[in-house]
Amino acid sequence: MHKLQEDMKEMQQLHFEEMNIMKQKQEKLEVELALMRSYISKFVHLEDLPSSSNDTANRLFKMLLALMGIHNGFRDNATPL
């Protein structure tokens, strides 16, 4: 029984450490994404892009901006970048 309790405690500690690592990685990715959003919005605004529906690259770029939450230089939560 004592061995089982020790194993459980060790597993809980490992889980705690892994969760901390994942949280740190997520925070780092969120910072990187915010920087990318900020960088892109400084140089490109959706209204400045050509509106040709036949331009595949343009459509893909607009989709990328939409996926990143950028719309007319603002994030989805309407906070200026």
C-alpha atoms as a PDB file:
ATOM      1  CA  MET A   1       0.000   0.000   0.000  1.00  0.00           C
ATOM      2  CA  HIS A   2       2.820   2.382   0.837  1.00  0.00           C
ATOM      3  CA  LYS A   3       4.445   1.705  -2.547  1.00  0.00           C
ATOM      4  CA  LEU A   4       1.190   2.541  -4.308  1.00  0.00           C
ATOM      5  CA  GLN A   5       0.946   5.859  -2.459  1.00  0.00           C
ATOM      6  CA  GLU A   6       4.537   6.698  -3.403  1.00  0.00           C
ATOM      7  CA  ASP A   7       3.832   5.864  -7.042  1.00  0.00           C
ATOM      8  CA  MET A   8       0.715   8.035  -7.007  1.00  0.00           C
ATOM      9  CA  LYS A   9       2.629  10.929  -5.478  1.00  0.00           C
ATOM     10  CA  GLU A  10       5.384  10.573  -8.085  1.00  0.00           C
ATOM     11  CA  MET A  11       2.838  10.472 -10.908  1.00  0.00           C
ATOM     12  CA  GLN A  12       1.129  13.582  -9.560  1.00  0.00           C
ATOM     13  CA  GLN A  13       4.456  15.398  -9.396  1.00  0.00           C
ATOM     14  CA  LEU A  14       5.314  14.388 -12.971  1.00  0.00           C
ATOM     15  CA  HIS A  15       1.880  15.512 -14.122  1.00  0.00           C
ATOM     16  CA  PHE A  16       2.330  18.853 -12.368  1.00  0.00           C
ATOM     17  CA  GLU A  17       5.738  19.363 -14.008  1.00  0.00           C
ATOM     18  CA  GLU A  18       4.412  18.442 -17.456  1.00  0.00           C
ATOM     19  CA  MET A  19       1.467  20.807 -17.062  1.00  0.00           C
ATOM     20  CA  ASN A  20       3.839  23.638 -16.123  1.00  0.00           C
ATOM     21  CA  ILE A  21       5.992  22.942 -19.181  1.00  0.00           C
ATOM     22  CA  MET A  22       2.920  22.910 -21.431  1.00  0.00           C
ATOM     23  CA  LYS A  23       1.672  26.161 -19.892  1.00  0.00           C
ATOM     24  CA  GLN A  24       5.045  27.829 -20.488  1.00  0.00           C
ATOM     25  CA  LYS A  25       5.084  26.641 -24.103  1.00  0.00           C
ATOM     26  CA  GLN A  26       1.536  27.879 -24.651  1.00  0.00           C
ATOM     27  CA  GLU A  27       2.401  31.287 -23.201  1.00  0.00           C
ATOM     28  CA  LYS A  28       5.465  31.480 -25.457  1.00  0.00           C
ATOM     29  CA  LEU A  29       3.372  30.591 -28.515  1.00  0.00           C
ATOM     30  CA  GLU A  30       0.764  33.199 -27.584  1.00  0.00           C
ATOM     31  CA  VAL A  31       3.473  35.862 -27.340  1.00  0.00           C
ATOM     32  CA  GLU A  32       4.904  34.806 -30.713  1.00  0.00           C
ATOM     33  CA  LEU A  33       1.440  34.871 -32.294  1.00  0.00           C
ATOM     34  CA  ALA A  34       0.766  38.329 -30.876  1.00  0.00           C
ATOM     35  CA  LEU A  35       4.063  39.535 -32.341  1.00  0.00           C
ATOM     36  CA  MET A  36       3.198  38.051 -35.738  1.00  0.00           C
ATOM     37  CA  ARG A  37      -0.244  39.670 -35.638  1.00  0.00           C
ATOM     38  CA  SER A  38       1.277  42.996 -34.714  1.00  0.00           C
ATOM     39  CA  TYR A  39       3.920  42.764 -37.427  1.00  0.00           C
ATOM     40  CA  ILE A  40       1.464  41.800 -40.156  1.00  0.00           C
ATOM     41  CA  SER A  41      -1.078  44.449 -39.186  1.00  0.00           C
ATOM     42  CA  LYS A  42       1.574  47.184 -39.335  1.00  0.00           C
ATOM     43  CA  PHE A  43       2.293  46.446 -42.974  1.00  0.00           C
ATOM     44  CA  VAL A  44      -0.927  45.013 -44.379  1.00  0.00           C
ATOM     45  CA  HIS A  45      -4.539  46.019 -43.939  1.00  0.00           C
ATOM     46  CA  LEU A  46      -7.278  43.984 -45.567  1.00  0.00           C
ATOM     47  CA  GLU A  47      -8.775  47.012 -47.307  1.00  0.00           C
ATOM     48  CA  ASP A  48      -5.412  47.659 -49.020  1.00  0.00           C
ATOM     49  CA  LEU A  49      -5.377  44.256 -50.698  1.00  0.00           C
ATOM     50  CA  PRO A  50      -6.749  43.885 -54.240  1.00  0.00           C
ATOM     51  CA  SER A  51     -10.253  42.451 -54.305  1.00  0.00           C
ATOM     52  CA  SER A  52      -9.815  40.210 -57.360  1.00  0.00           C
ATOM     53  CA  SER A  53     -11.707  36.998 -56.661  1.00  0.00           C
ATOM     54  CA  ASN A  54      -9.465  35.151 -59.135  1.00  0.00           C
ATOM     55  CA  ASP A  55      -6.293  35.920 -57.195  1.00  0.00           C
ATOM     56  CA  THR A  56      -5.673  32.700 -55.245  1.00  0.00           C
ATOM     57  CA  ALA A  57      -2.675  34.056 -53.351  1.00  0.00           C
ATOM     58  CA  ASN A  58      -4.678  37.080 -52.260  1.00  0.00           C
ATOM     59  CA  ARG A  59      -7.548  34.907 -51.042  1.00  0.00           C
ATOM     60  CA  LEU A  60      -5.176  32.627 -49.159  1.00  0.00           C
ATOM     61  CA  PHE A  61      -3.488  35.613 -47.543  1.00  0.00           C
ATOM     62  CA  LYS A  62      -6.843  37.038 -46.459  1.00  0.00           C
ATOM     63  CA  MET A  63      -7.771  33.648 -45.013  1.00  0.00           C
ATOM     64  CA  LEU A  64      -4.471  33.565 -43.099  1.00  0.00           C
ATOM     65  CA  LEU A  65      -5.153  36.995 -41.644  1.00  0.00           C
ATOM     66  CA  ALA A  66      -8.677  35.934 -40.724  1.00  0.00           C
ATOM     67  CA  LEU A  67      -7.393  32.787 -39.035  1.00  0.00           C
ATOM     68  CA  MET A  68      -4.924  34.885 -37.076  1.00  0.00           C
ATOM     69  CA  GLY A  69      -7.806  37.088 -35.935  1.00  0.00           C
ATOM     70  CA  ILE A  70      -6.748  40.204 -37.821  1.00  0.00           C
ATOM     71  CA  HIS A  71      -9.462  42.289 -39.434  1.00  0.00           C
ATOM     72  CA  ASN A  72      -8.681  45.788 -40.665  1.00  0.00           C
ATOM     73  CA  GLY A  73      -5.747  46.119 -38.292  1.00  0.00           C
ATOM     74  CA  PHE A  74      -7.674  45.012 -35.215  1.00  0.00           C
ATOM     75  CA  ARG A  75      -7.870  41.707 -33.424  1.00  0.00           C
ATOM     76  CA  ASP A  76     -11.248  40.042 -33.054  1.00  0.00           C
ATOM     77  CA  ASN A  77     -11.658  41.533 -29.587  1.00  0.00           C
ATOM     78  CA  ALA A  78     -11.410  45.032 -31.156  1.00  0.00           C
ATOM     79  CA  THR A  79      -8.188  45.906 -29.338  1.00  0.00           C
ATOM     80  CA  PRO A  80      -5.785  47.820 -31.590  1.00  0.00           C
ATOM     81  CA  LEU A  81      -2.562  46.000 -32.292  1.00  0.00           C
END
